[in-house]
Amino acid sequence: MAHPAVSDAAESAAMTSMADLSRQHSSLDQDDIDHLHRLGAEWAFLADLCFADLLLYVRSTDAKWVVVDQVRPATNQTMYVTDYIGTWAQWGAAVLSQAADENTIIEADLDTPDDGARTRMMAIPVARNGRVIAILSKEWEVRSGRTLGELERSYKEIFDKFVVMIQTGTFPFAGRVADSSAAPRVGDGVLSLDADGTVTYVSPNANSALHRVGIQANPVGMRLAELGFHDGPVRQAFERLEPVVEEFEQGADVTLLSRCVPLVHDTESGPVVVGGLMLMRDVTELRKRDRLLLSKDATIREIHHRVKNNLQTISSLLRLQARRLTNPEAKAAVQESVRRIRTIALVHESLSREPGEDIAFIEIVRPLLRLAEEGLQSPDRPVRFTVTGDGGRIPANTATPLSVVLTELLQNAVDHGFPEGSAGGQVSVALTQNQHRLDVRVIDNGRGVAPGFDLDASTGLGLSIVRTLVTTELNGTIDMRPARTQDLDDAKLGDASSHQHGTVVELSVPTVV
């Protein structure tokens, strides 16, 4: 339904923040705004307790009222589908002003010109340091002939106690409090406590949670410790006078997440605890899944570690075999196989150290370049390898073929760009992640490919491997061409750019499986 108490928008942007609205339209200082922020971070459970929409109004410098925040209940149907943040109060403005001026709670009917339904509002002064800085409005639709049940009566009694705290400035709690975003909600389970920590009410869901941990007795009239239930959050909340969130195991296999909020009254001698609200959620299944995921992750990393060890063993055996060969071509072929196996082993080693199913590609590229420097060049033709960018994170099933491709391209750059008798040079690898694609650019300032070179027509084993892996396993694209002067300058390979030599390989692969 349309909001009966607001008119035109105060801001053109509907999602303007509470702080911006308060600064622009009111004289509230930063401490006042921080107080309202804390209220907005805490008040979701208040809406659940009162089964109503809550709107936060701030008085502007010209004595009008603007909605700066809004929350809907999870325990009841909302009256307002539309967000009214940034709109001005209209029919309810007089009620808001009276509540603020008199620092008193006022209930009144609201006009509903659209459908004629009867709605009510409760204007609650939000105080800080003895001043009313805003009005919290509880707004709900009146349903005639309906009797409240025990649960609704109990929830509303708890809500009324928080209303007193809001009016006196003791709620929301000052300073840093436990994060409530992941805390249990009212619908998960409610325990109402008195000043001694004795249970005065248990919601059905909370009762079910107690049954799951083996507590069959009626908890009303008993303390949690007397029931054999963990009461740490209650004791800490009552002692520290602030909400406490704690997750604990109760019994053999039940994990509960709880949040205890103390009910505090100000007295001449200081704040006094008069009761508490404990919310609890059974998170046993969530934690079981978390443990399964951790176990699965550890198992996968162990598998990668063992695969790496096996590949290193195969690599060592092949190196021993290569030493016994006398045919230069056979020896070179075995050495190339060793290099490819070492590349794959390096990927598995990196994956064994990384949690999850993806990996930072730069963590593979750097060791690959070190392997290339150690194994591909000779002292009489030194080749320097550099890398720019990091390429972001890529899936594990992309990392292995992509690493093999990069190794083959580095091998090709050294063998064909800097053949025996050359003075050596530089090879640059540039990594760029663009949305869901990874672009790899390998540039050398060596001899360069001939004009008109066609990668698809190449018959060499290394480039055949590259072409096959890129097009079939990686679903990517690859292009190889002579380097231009601009390419060499961009890669900071200008020492050799004067003779216009060099090769550019541009590779692009998707990073989303």
Protein backbone atom coordinates (compact mmCIF):
# COMPACT_ATOMS: atom_id res chain seq x y z
CA MET A 1 0.00 0.00 0.00
CA ALA A 2 1.09 3.61 -0.38
CA HIS A 3 2.54 5.33 2.63
CA PRO A 4 -0.19 7.52 4.14
CA ALA A 5 2.14 9.90 5.90
CA VAL A 6 4.64 11.00 3.26
CA SER A 7 4.53 13.22 0.21
CA ASP A 8 7.01 14.24 -2.47
CA ALA A 9 10.59 13.02 -2.37
CA ALA A 10 13.12 15.17 -0.58
CA GLU A 11 15.88 13.85 -2.84
CA SER A 12 15.98 12.90 -6.50
CA ALA A 13 18.03 9.82 -5.68
CA ALA A 14 15.91 7.33 -3.75
CA MET A 15 18.94 5.57 -2.34
CA THR A 16 20.52 8.63 -0.72
CA SER A 17 22.18 7.55 2.50
CA MET A 18 20.86 8.36 5.94
CA ALA A 19 23.97 10.37 6.73
CA ASP A 20 23.63 12.48 3.57
CA LEU A 21 19.95 13.17 4.21
CA SER A 22 20.60 14.07 7.84
CA ARG A 23 23.47 16.42 6.97
CA GLN A 24 21.59 18.15 4.17
CA HIS A 25 18.22 18.66 5.85
CA SER A 26 18.92 18.81 9.59
CA SER A 27 21.25 20.38 12.11
CA LEU A 28 22.36 17.05 13.58
CA ASP A 29 26.07 16.76 14.32
CA GLN A 30 28.24 13.76 13.47
CA ASP A 31 27.76 12.13 16.88
CA ASP A 32 23.99 12.33 16.44
CA ILE A 33 24.24 10.78 12.98
CA ASP A 34 26.49 8.02 14.32
CA HIS A 35 23.86 7.27 16.96
CA LEU A 36 21.22 6.91 14.24
CA HIS A 37 23.57 4.71 12.24
CA ARG A 38 23.92 2.38 15.22
CA LEU A 39 20.14 2.29 15.55
CA GLY A 40 19.79 1.41 11.87
CA ALA A 41 22.32 -1.39 12.27
CA GLU A 42 20.40 -2.88 15.21
CA TRP A 43 16.73 -2.32 14.56
CA ALA A 44 15.89 -5.30 12.31
CA PHE A 45 15.04 -7.43 15.35
CA LEU A 46 12.87 -4.59 16.70
CA ALA A 47 10.71 -4.72 13.57
CA ASP A 48 10.44 -8.48 14.02
CA LEU A 49 9.41 -8.11 17.66
CA CYS A 50 6.63 -5.60 16.94
CA PHE A 51 5.43 -7.21 13.68
CA ALA A 52 5.43 -3.78 12.03
CA ASP A 53 7.28 -1.51 9.63
CA LEU A 54 9.70 0.92 11.26
CA LEU A 55 10.57 4.28 9.73
CA LEU A 56 13.12 6.76 11.04
CA TYR A 57 12.27 10.46 10.70
CA VAL A 58 14.60 13.43 11.14
CA ARG A 59 13.34 17.01 11.54
CA SER A 60 14.68 19.41 8.95
CA THR A 61 15.85 22.94 9.59
CA ASP A 62 12.49 24.24 8.32
CA ALA A 63 10.55 22.03 10.80
CA LYS A 64 9.51 19.37 8.30
CA TRP A 65 10.14 15.64 8.72
CA VAL A 66 12.09 13.49 6.25
CA VAL A 67 12.36 9.68 6.23
CA VAL A 68 16.04 8.75 6.50
CA ASP A 69 15.76 4.99 7.06
CA GLN A 70 13.25 2.17 6.87
CA VAL A 71 13.07 -1.51 7.84
CA ARG A 72 10.45 -4.20 7.25
CA PRO A 73 9.55 -7.06 9.61
CA ALA A 74 10.51 -10.63 8.81
CA THR A 75 7.74 -11.91 11.11
CA ASN A 76 4.83 -10.20 9.37
CA GLN A 77 3.71 -8.84 6.03
CA THR A 78 5.01 -5.35 5.30
CA MET A 79 2.57 -2.53 4.71
CA TYR A 80 4.90 -0.69 2.36
CA VAL A 81 6.33 -2.32 -0.73
CA THR A 82 7.99 0.94 -1.78
CA ASP A 83 11.01 2.45 -0.05
CA TYR A 84 10.18 5.86 1.39
CA ILE A 85 13.69 6.96 2.28
CA GLY A 86 14.11 10.58 1.23
CA THR A 87 10.38 11.48 1.34
CA TRP A 88 8.68 14.12 3.48
CA ALA A 89 6.11 13.35 6.18
CA GLN A 90 2.66 14.77 5.46
CA TRP A 91 -0.36 13.57 7.47
CA GLY A 92 1.73 12.25 10.36
CA ALA A 93 3.93 15.34 10.68
CA ALA A 94 1.93 16.81 13.57
CA VAL A 95 2.22 13.57 15.55
CA LEU A 96 5.96 13.44 14.93
CA SER A 97 6.42 17.05 16.06
CA GLN A 98 4.37 16.54 19.23
CA ALA A 99 6.33 13.41 20.15
CA ALA A 100 9.62 15.24 19.63
CA ASP A 101 8.61 18.44 21.43
CA GLU A 102 7.17 16.64 24.45
CA ASN A 103 9.65 13.73 24.41
CA THR A 104 6.74 11.35 24.76
CA ILE A 105 5.46 8.30 22.93
CA ILE A 106 2.30 9.01 20.94
CA GLU A 107 -0.02 6.63 19.11
CA ALA A 108 -2.37 7.90 16.42
CA ASP A 109 -4.37 6.81 13.38
CA LEU A 110 -3.01 7.47 9.91
CA ASP A 111 -5.16 8.41 6.94
CA THR A 112 -5.13 5.93 4.08
CA PRO A 113 -6.78 7.64 1.12
CA ASP A 114 -5.96 4.85 -1.29
CA ASP A 115 -7.75 1.83 0.17
CA GLY A 116 -9.41 2.98 3.37
CA ALA A 117 -7.60 0.46 5.59
CA ARG A 118 -7.06 1.59 9.14
CA THR A 119 -3.42 2.05 10.05
CA ARG A 120 -1.77 3.19 13.25
CA MET A 121 1.54 4.79 14.06
CA MET A 122 3.52 4.90 17.28
CA ALA A 123 5.92 7.85 17.34
CA ILE A 124 8.90 7.04 19.57
CA PRO A 125 11.44 9.77 20.40
CA VAL A 126 15.05 8.80 19.71
CA ALA A 127 17.12 10.52 22.37
CA ARG A 128 20.82 11.15 22.80
CA ASN A 129 22.32 13.04 25.74
CA GLY A 130 18.86 14.19 26.81
CA ARG A 131 17.92 15.58 23.36
CA VAL A 132 15.43 14.17 20.87
CA ILE A 133 17.35 13.81 17.60
CA ALA A 134 14.84 11.76 15.59
CA ILE A 135 11.54 9.92 15.73
CA LEU A 136 11.20 6.18 15.25
CA SER A 137 7.74 5.40 13.87
CA LYS A 138 6.15 2.00 14.23
CA GLU A 139 3.45 1.70 11.58
CA TRP A 140 1.02 -1.17 11.20
CA GLU A 141 -2.39 -2.10 9.88
CA VAL A 142 -5.14 -2.64 12.45
CA ARG A 143 -7.01 -5.90 12.10
CA SER A 144 -10.27 -5.90 14.02
CA GLY A 145 -11.52 -8.92 15.92
CA ARG A 146 -8.13 -10.58 16.20
CA THR A 147 -6.80 -11.70 19.59
CA LEU A 148 -3.04 -11.70 20.16
CA GLY A 149 -1.45 -15.02 21.01
CA GLU A 150 1.16 -15.63 23.70
CA LEU A 151 4.04 -15.26 21.25
CA GLU A 152 2.85 -11.89 19.94
CA ARG A 153 2.14 -10.58 23.44
CA SER A 154 5.58 -11.66 24.66
CA TYR A 155 7.36 -10.15 21.66
CA LYS A 156 5.54 -6.85 22.03
CA GLU A 157 6.34 -6.71 25.75
CA ILE A 158 10.02 -7.08 24.87
CA PHE A 159 9.66 -4.42 22.17
CA ASP A 160 8.10 -2.01 24.66
CA LYS A 161 11.15 -2.38 26.90
CA PHE A 162 13.43 -1.45 24.03
CA VAL A 163 11.17 1.53 23.29
CA VAL A 164 11.90 2.87 26.77
CA MET A 165 15.63 2.42 26.13
CA ILE A 166 15.38 4.29 22.82
CA GLN A 167 13.50 7.14 24.48
CA THR A 168 16.07 7.44 27.27
CA GLY A 169 19.07 7.13 24.94
CA THR A 170 20.39 3.80 26.25
CA PHE A 171 19.61 2.04 22.96
CA PRO A 172 21.37 1.68 20.60
CA PHE A 173 24.42 0.88 22.65
CA ALA A 174 27.32 3.32 22.43
CA GLY A 175 30.71 2.31 21.16
CA ARG A 176 31.63 -0.74 19.19
CA VAL A 177 29.17 -3.62 19.55
CA ALA A 178 29.13 -7.12 18.13
CA ASP A 179 28.18 -7.31 14.47
CA SER A 180 24.47 -8.09 14.18
CA SER A 181 24.38 -8.71 10.41
CA ALA A 182 25.08 -12.45 10.75
CA ALA A 183 23.42 -12.82 14.16
CA PRO A 184 20.22 -14.83 14.72
CA ARG A 185 16.89 -13.18 13.96
CA VAL A 186 13.72 -13.26 16.02
CA GLY A 187 12.27 -15.98 13.83
CA ASP A 188 15.17 -18.29 14.68
CA GLY A 189 14.34 -18.47 18.38
CA VAL A 190 13.79 -16.12 21.34
CA LEU A 191 14.50 -16.43 25.05
CA SER A 192 13.29 -13.63 27.32
CA LEU A 193 15.25 -13.21 30.57
CA ASP A 194 14.76 -11.20 33.73
CA ALA A 195 17.45 -9.28 35.61
CA ASP A 196 18.73 -12.47 37.29
CA GLY A 197 19.00 -14.34 34.00
CA THR A 198 15.90 -16.40 34.71
CA VAL A 199 13.95 -17.45 31.64
CA THR A 200 10.54 -15.76 31.44
CA TYR A 201 9.51 -16.79 27.92
CA VAL A 202 10.66 -19.29 25.27
CA SER A 203 9.49 -19.10 21.67
CA PRO A 204 8.54 -22.35 19.91
CA ASN A 205 11.67 -22.33 17.74
CA ALA A 206 13.90 -21.70 20.76
CA ASN A 207 12.14 -24.54 22.56
CA SER A 208 12.89 -26.84 19.62
CA ALA A 209 16.55 -25.85 19.77
CA LEU A 210 16.63 -26.69 23.49
CA HIS A 211 15.04 -30.07 22.79
CA ARG A 212 17.74 -30.81 20.19
CA VAL A 213 20.42 -30.38 22.85
CA GLY A 214 18.60 -32.68 25.25
CA ILE A 215 16.79 -30.13 27.45
CA GLN A 216 13.25 -31.46 27.79
CA ALA A 217 12.25 -29.58 30.95
CA ASN A 218 10.21 -26.40 30.82
CA PRO A 219 12.88 -23.66 31.00
CA VAL A 220 10.53 -20.91 32.20
CA GLY A 221 11.42 -19.95 35.76
CA MET A 222 14.91 -21.45 35.56
CA ARG A 223 18.33 -20.05 34.76
CA LEU A 224 20.19 -21.37 31.73
CA ALA A 225 22.98 -22.78 33.89
CA GLU A 226 20.43 -24.72 35.92
CA LEU A 227 19.21 -26.28 32.70
CA GLY A 228 22.74 -27.30 31.76
CA PHE A 229 22.75 -24.76 28.93
CA HIS A 230 25.73 -22.54 28.10
CA ASP A 231 25.05 -19.12 29.63
CA GLY A 232 28.28 -17.36 28.64
CA PRO A 233 26.63 -14.84 26.29
CA VAL A 234 24.10 -13.86 28.97
CA ARG A 235 26.72 -13.36 31.67
CA GLN A 236 28.98 -11.33 29.37
CA ALA A 237 26.12 -9.18 28.05
CA PHE A 238 24.87 -8.41 31.56
CA GLU A 239 28.38 -7.64 32.84
CA ARG A 240 29.49 -5.53 29.87
CA LEU A 241 26.09 -3.86 29.30
CA GLU A 242 26.29 -4.49 25.56
CA PRO A 243 25.17 -7.17 23.07
CA VAL A 244 27.26 -10.32 22.83
CA VAL A 245 27.35 -12.72 19.88
CA GLU A 246 28.79 -16.17 20.50
CA GLU A 247 28.81 -19.47 18.70
CA PHE A 248 29.19 -22.56 20.85
CA GLU A 249 28.72 -26.30 20.79
CA GLN A 250 26.02 -27.59 23.10
CA GLY A 251 25.99 -31.30 23.67
CA ALA A 252 27.76 -33.75 21.44
CA ASP A 253 26.83 -32.56 17.97
CA VAL A 254 24.75 -29.36 18.10
CA THR A 255 26.20 -25.95 17.27
CA LEU A 256 24.23 -22.85 18.26
CA LEU A 257 24.75 -19.22 17.33
CA SER A 258 23.39 -16.85 19.96
CA ARG A 259 23.08 -13.14 20.53
CA CYS A 260 22.17 -11.72 23.91
CA VAL A 261 21.02 -8.10 24.16
CA PRO A 262 20.72 -6.70 27.70
CA LEU A 263 17.73 -4.59 28.68
CA VAL A 264 19.13 -1.58 30.55
CA HIS A 265 17.49 1.21 32.53
CA ASP A 266 19.24 4.41 33.55
CA THR A 267 19.17 5.20 37.27
CA GLU A 268 20.78 7.84 39.44
CA SER A 269 23.51 5.37 40.32
CA GLY A 270 24.08 4.39 36.68
CA PRO A 271 22.72 1.88 34.16
CA VAL A 272 21.10 -1.24 35.61
CA VAL A 273 20.26 -4.48 33.81
CA VAL A 274 16.55 -5.26 34.10
CA GLY A 275 16.43 -8.20 31.72
CA GLY A 276 17.69 -9.55 28.45
CA LEU A 277 16.77 -10.87 25.04
CA MET A 278 18.58 -13.94 23.75
CA LEU A 279 18.24 -14.91 20.10
CA MET A 280 19.49 -18.32 19.02
CA ARG A 281 19.89 -20.20 15.77
CA ASP A 282 20.81 -23.84 15.21
CA VAL A 283 23.75 -23.70 12.78
CA THR A 284 24.74 -27.36 13.11
CA GLU A 285 24.15 -28.22 9.46
CA LEU A 286 25.92 -25.07 8.28
CA ARG A 287 29.01 -25.90 10.32
CA LYS A 288 28.95 -29.51 9.13
CA ARG A 289 28.98 -28.26 5.55
CA ASP A 290 31.79 -25.85 6.41
CA ARG A 291 33.84 -28.71 7.85
CA LEU A 292 33.12 -30.85 4.79
CA LEU A 293 34.28 -28.03 2.53
CA LEU A 294 37.46 -27.62 4.56
CA SER A 295 38.07 -31.35 4.44
CA LYS A 296 37.42 -31.41 0.70
CA ASP A 297 39.76 -28.47 0.18
CA ALA A 298 42.52 -30.14 2.21
CA THR A 299 42.03 -33.38 0.27
CA ILE A 300 42.27 -31.60 -3.08
CA ARG A 301 45.46 -29.83 -2.01
CA GLU A 302 46.94 -33.12 -0.84
CA ILE A 303 46.10 -34.67 -4.21
CA HIS A 304 47.84 -31.80 -6.00
CA HIS A 305 50.85 -32.29 -3.73
CA ARG A 306 51.05 -36.01 -4.50
CA VAL A 307 50.61 -35.44 -8.24
CA LYS A 308 53.45 -32.92 -8.10
CA ASN A 309 55.68 -35.46 -6.33
CA ASN A 310 54.83 -38.16 -8.89
CA LEU A 311 55.54 -35.82 -11.79
CA GLN A 312 58.87 -34.83 -10.27
CA THR A 313 59.75 -38.52 -9.94
CA ILE A 314 58.90 -39.09 -13.62
CA SER A 315 60.94 -36.02 -14.54
CA SER A 316 63.95 -37.34 -12.62
CA LEU A 317 63.67 -40.76 -14.31
CA LEU A 318 63.53 -39.14 -17.74
CA ARG A 319 66.58 -37.02 -16.96
CA LEU A 320 68.47 -40.19 -15.99
CA GLN A 321 67.32 -41.81 -19.21
CA ALA A 322 68.44 -38.80 -21.25
CA ARG A 323 71.98 -39.11 -19.90
CA ARG A 324 72.23 -42.60 -21.37
CA LEU A 325 71.08 -41.52 -24.82
CA THR A 326 73.66 -40.85 -27.53
CA ASN A 327 71.33 -39.67 -30.32
CA PRO A 328 71.17 -35.85 -30.08
CA GLU A 329 67.59 -35.71 -31.43
CA ALA A 330 66.35 -38.31 -28.98
CA LYS A 331 68.14 -36.58 -26.14
CA ALA A 332 66.59 -33.22 -27.07
CA ALA A 333 63.12 -34.79 -27.31
CA VAL A 334 63.43 -36.31 -23.84
CA GLN A 335 64.69 -33.01 -22.42
CA GLU A 336 61.67 -31.22 -23.88
CA SER A 337 59.39 -33.80 -22.28
CA VAL A 338 61.15 -33.23 -18.95
CA ARG A 339 60.57 -29.49 -19.27
CA ARG A 340 56.86 -29.96 -20.01
CA ILE A 341 56.45 -32.33 -17.07
CA ARG A 342 58.24 -29.86 -14.77
CA THR A 343 55.83 -27.16 -15.93
CA ILE A 344 52.79 -29.26 -15.04
CA ALA A 345 54.40 -30.22 -11.71
CA LEU A 346 54.93 -26.54 -10.95
CA VAL A 347 51.22 -25.86 -11.49
CA HIS A 348 50.24 -28.67 -9.12
CA GLU A 349 52.72 -27.38 -6.54
CA SER A 350 51.10 -23.94 -6.69
CA LEU A 351 47.62 -25.45 -6.44
CA SER A 352 48.67 -27.50 -3.40
CA ARG A 353 49.39 -24.25 -1.55
CA GLU A 354 46.27 -22.35 -2.63
CA PRO A 355 42.86 -22.88 -1.00
CA GLY A 356 39.84 -23.08 -3.26
CA GLU A 357 39.50 -24.05 -6.89
CA ASP A 358 41.30 -21.14 -8.52
CA ILE A 359 44.77 -19.66 -8.33
CA ALA A 360 46.56 -16.37 -8.91
CA PHE A 361 48.16 -16.89 -12.32
CA ILE A 362 51.14 -14.69 -11.44
CA GLU A 363 52.10 -17.28 -8.79
CA ILE A 364 52.65 -19.72 -11.66
CA VAL A 365 54.18 -17.32 -14.17
CA ARG A 366 57.04 -16.16 -11.94
CA PRO A 367 58.40 -19.69 -11.30
CA LEU A 368 57.91 -20.51 -14.99
CA LEU A 369 60.13 -17.58 -15.93
CA ARG A 370 62.75 -18.76 -13.43
CA LEU A 371 62.64 -22.23 -15.01
CA ALA A 372 63.06 -20.64 -18.43
CA GLU A 373 66.05 -18.60 -17.28
CA GLU A 374 67.67 -21.70 -15.80
CA GLY A 375 66.95 -24.18 -18.56
CA LEU A 376 66.41 -22.43 -21.88
CA GLN A 377 69.31 -20.04 -22.28
CA SER A 378 73.06 -20.42 -22.47
CA PRO A 379 75.83 -18.14 -21.15
CA ASP A 380 76.91 -17.06 -24.62
CA ARG A 381 73.41 -15.77 -25.50
CA PRO A 382 71.79 -14.51 -22.28
CA VAL A 383 68.06 -13.88 -22.41
CA ARG A 384 66.30 -11.78 -19.78
CA PHE A 385 62.66 -12.55 -18.93
CA THR A 386 60.27 -9.99 -17.43
CA VAL A 387 56.57 -9.99 -16.53
CA THR A 388 54.08 -7.14 -16.13
CA GLY A 389 50.57 -7.34 -14.67
CA ASP A 390 49.24 -10.21 -12.60
CA GLY A 391 46.38 -11.67 -14.64
CA GLY A 392 44.12 -12.12 -11.62
CA ARG A 393 42.86 -15.53 -10.55
CA ILE A 394 42.04 -18.35 -12.96
CA PRO A 395 40.36 -21.75 -12.52
CA ALA A 396 42.60 -24.70 -11.73
CA ASN A 397 41.56 -26.55 -14.89
CA THR A 398 42.69 -23.54 -16.93
CA ALA A 399 46.01 -23.12 -15.14
CA THR A 400 47.67 -26.35 -16.35
CA PRO A 401 47.12 -26.06 -20.13
CA LEU A 402 47.76 -22.31 -20.03
CA SER A 403 51.06 -22.85 -18.22
CA VAL A 404 52.12 -25.45 -20.79
CA VAL A 405 51.22 -22.99 -23.57
CA LEU A 406 53.26 -20.22 -21.95
CA THR A 407 56.24 -22.55 -21.49
CA GLU A 408 56.13 -23.55 -25.17
CA LEU A 409 55.96 -19.90 -26.21
CA LEU A 410 58.98 -19.06 -24.06
CA GLN A 411 60.85 -22.03 -25.54
CA ASN A 412 59.91 -20.91 -29.04
CA ALA A 413 61.04 -17.34 -28.34
CA VAL A 414 64.47 -18.51 -27.16
CA ASP A 415 65.03 -21.17 -29.85
CA HIS A 416 63.89 -19.12 -32.83
CA GLY A 417 64.34 -15.56 -31.66
CA PHE A 418 67.82 -16.02 -30.22
CA PRO A 419 69.48 -18.93 -32.07
CA GLU A 420 73.04 -20.10 -31.49
CA GLY A 421 75.47 -17.34 -32.35
CA SER A 422 73.11 -14.47 -31.47
CA ALA A 423 73.82 -11.96 -28.71
CA GLY A 424 70.71 -12.81 -26.71
CA GLY A 425 68.00 -10.34 -25.79
CA GLN A 426 64.80 -9.93 -23.83
CA VAL A 427 61.41 -11.60 -23.58
CA SER A 428 58.48 -9.76 -22.00
CA VAL A 429 55.27 -11.39 -20.74
CA ALA A 430 52.30 -9.05 -20.19
CA LEU A 431 49.21 -10.29 -18.31
CA THR A 432 45.89 -8.44 -18.44
CA GLN A 433 42.53 -9.57 -17.13
CA ASN A 434 39.59 -7.99 -18.94
CA GLN A 435 36.22 -8.89 -17.41
CA HIS A 436 36.03 -12.67 -17.86
CA ARG A 437 39.05 -13.08 -20.14
CA LEU A 438 42.78 -13.29 -19.59
CA ASP A 439 45.02 -11.73 -22.23
CA VAL A 440 48.64 -12.90 -22.42
CA ARG A 441 51.16 -11.08 -24.61
CA VAL A 442 54.63 -12.56 -25.19
CA ILE A 443 57.05 -10.20 -26.97
CA ASP A 444 60.73 -10.74 -27.76
CA ASN A 445 63.26 -8.53 -29.51
CA GLY A 446 64.96 -11.41 -31.27
CA ARG A 447 65.20 -12.39 -34.91
CA GLY A 448 61.43 -12.31 -35.47
CA VAL A 449 59.13 -14.38 -37.65
CA ALA A 450 58.96 -13.84 -41.36
CA PRO A 451 56.30 -11.50 -42.76
CA GLY A 452 53.18 -13.46 -43.61
CA PHE A 453 53.89 -16.15 -41.01
CA ASP A 454 50.86 -18.41 -40.53
CA LEU A 455 50.59 -20.11 -37.13
CA ASP A 456 47.99 -22.57 -38.41
CA ALA A 457 50.41 -23.78 -41.08
CA SER A 458 53.27 -24.34 -38.62
CA THR A 459 54.34 -27.98 -38.31
CA GLY A 460 56.65 -27.69 -35.29
CA LEU A 461 55.72 -29.80 -32.27
CA GLY A 462 55.85 -26.92 -29.80
CA LEU A 463 53.55 -24.60 -31.77
CA SER A 464 51.28 -27.54 -32.60
CA ILE A 465 50.89 -28.17 -28.86
CA VAL A 466 50.18 -24.48 -28.32
CA ARG A 467 47.59 -24.32 -31.08
CA THR A 468 45.82 -27.47 -29.91
CA LEU A 469 45.67 -26.49 -26.23
CA VAL A 470 44.49 -22.95 -26.93
CA THR A 471 41.72 -23.87 -29.34
CA THR A 472 40.45 -27.13 -27.83
CA GLU A 473 41.09 -27.08 -24.07
CA LEU A 474 41.13 -23.35 -23.37
CA ASN A 475 38.56 -22.23 -25.98
CA GLY A 476 40.78 -19.25 -26.66
CA THR A 477 42.41 -17.43 -29.54
CA ILE A 478 46.06 -16.95 -30.46
CA ASP A 479 47.92 -14.86 -33.01
CA MET A 480 51.64 -14.68 -33.83
CA ARG A 481 53.13 -11.89 -35.95
CA PRO A 482 56.29 -9.80 -36.42
CA ALA A 483 56.75 -7.11 -33.80
CA ARG A 484 56.28 -3.48 -34.69
CA THR A 485 58.31 -0.64 -33.26
CA GLN A 486 55.39 0.39 -31.05
CA ASP A 487 55.11 -3.17 -29.67
CA LEU A 488 58.76 -3.16 -28.63
CA ASP A 489 58.51 0.32 -27.14
CA ASP A 490 55.39 -0.61 -25.15
CA ALA A 491 57.20 -3.65 -23.75
CA LYS A 492 60.29 -1.53 -22.98
CA LEU A 493 62.41 -3.57 -25.38
CA GLY A 494 63.68 -0.45 -27.12
CA ASP A 495 67.33 -1.50 -27.19
CA ALA A 496 66.62 -3.65 -30.20
CA SER A 497 63.76 -1.72 -31.68
CA SER A 498 65.97 0.15 -34.10
CA HIS A 499 66.35 -2.89 -36.34
CA GLN A 500 62.61 -3.67 -36.21
CA HIS A 501 63.08 -7.32 -35.21
CA GLY A 502 61.01 -9.32 -32.76
CA THR A 503 57.88 -11.42 -32.43
CA VAL A 504 54.53 -10.78 -30.77
CA VAL A 505 52.25 -13.58 -29.58
CA GLU A 506 48.80 -12.49 -28.42
CA LEU A 507 46.74 -15.04 -26.53
CA SER A 508 43.24 -14.61 -25.07
CA VAL A 509 41.39 -17.25 -23.02
CA PRO A 510 38.16 -17.18 -20.98
CA THR A 511 38.56 -17.35 -17.20
CA VAL A 512 34.98 -18.38 -16.43
CA VAL A 513 34.30 -22.07 -16.80
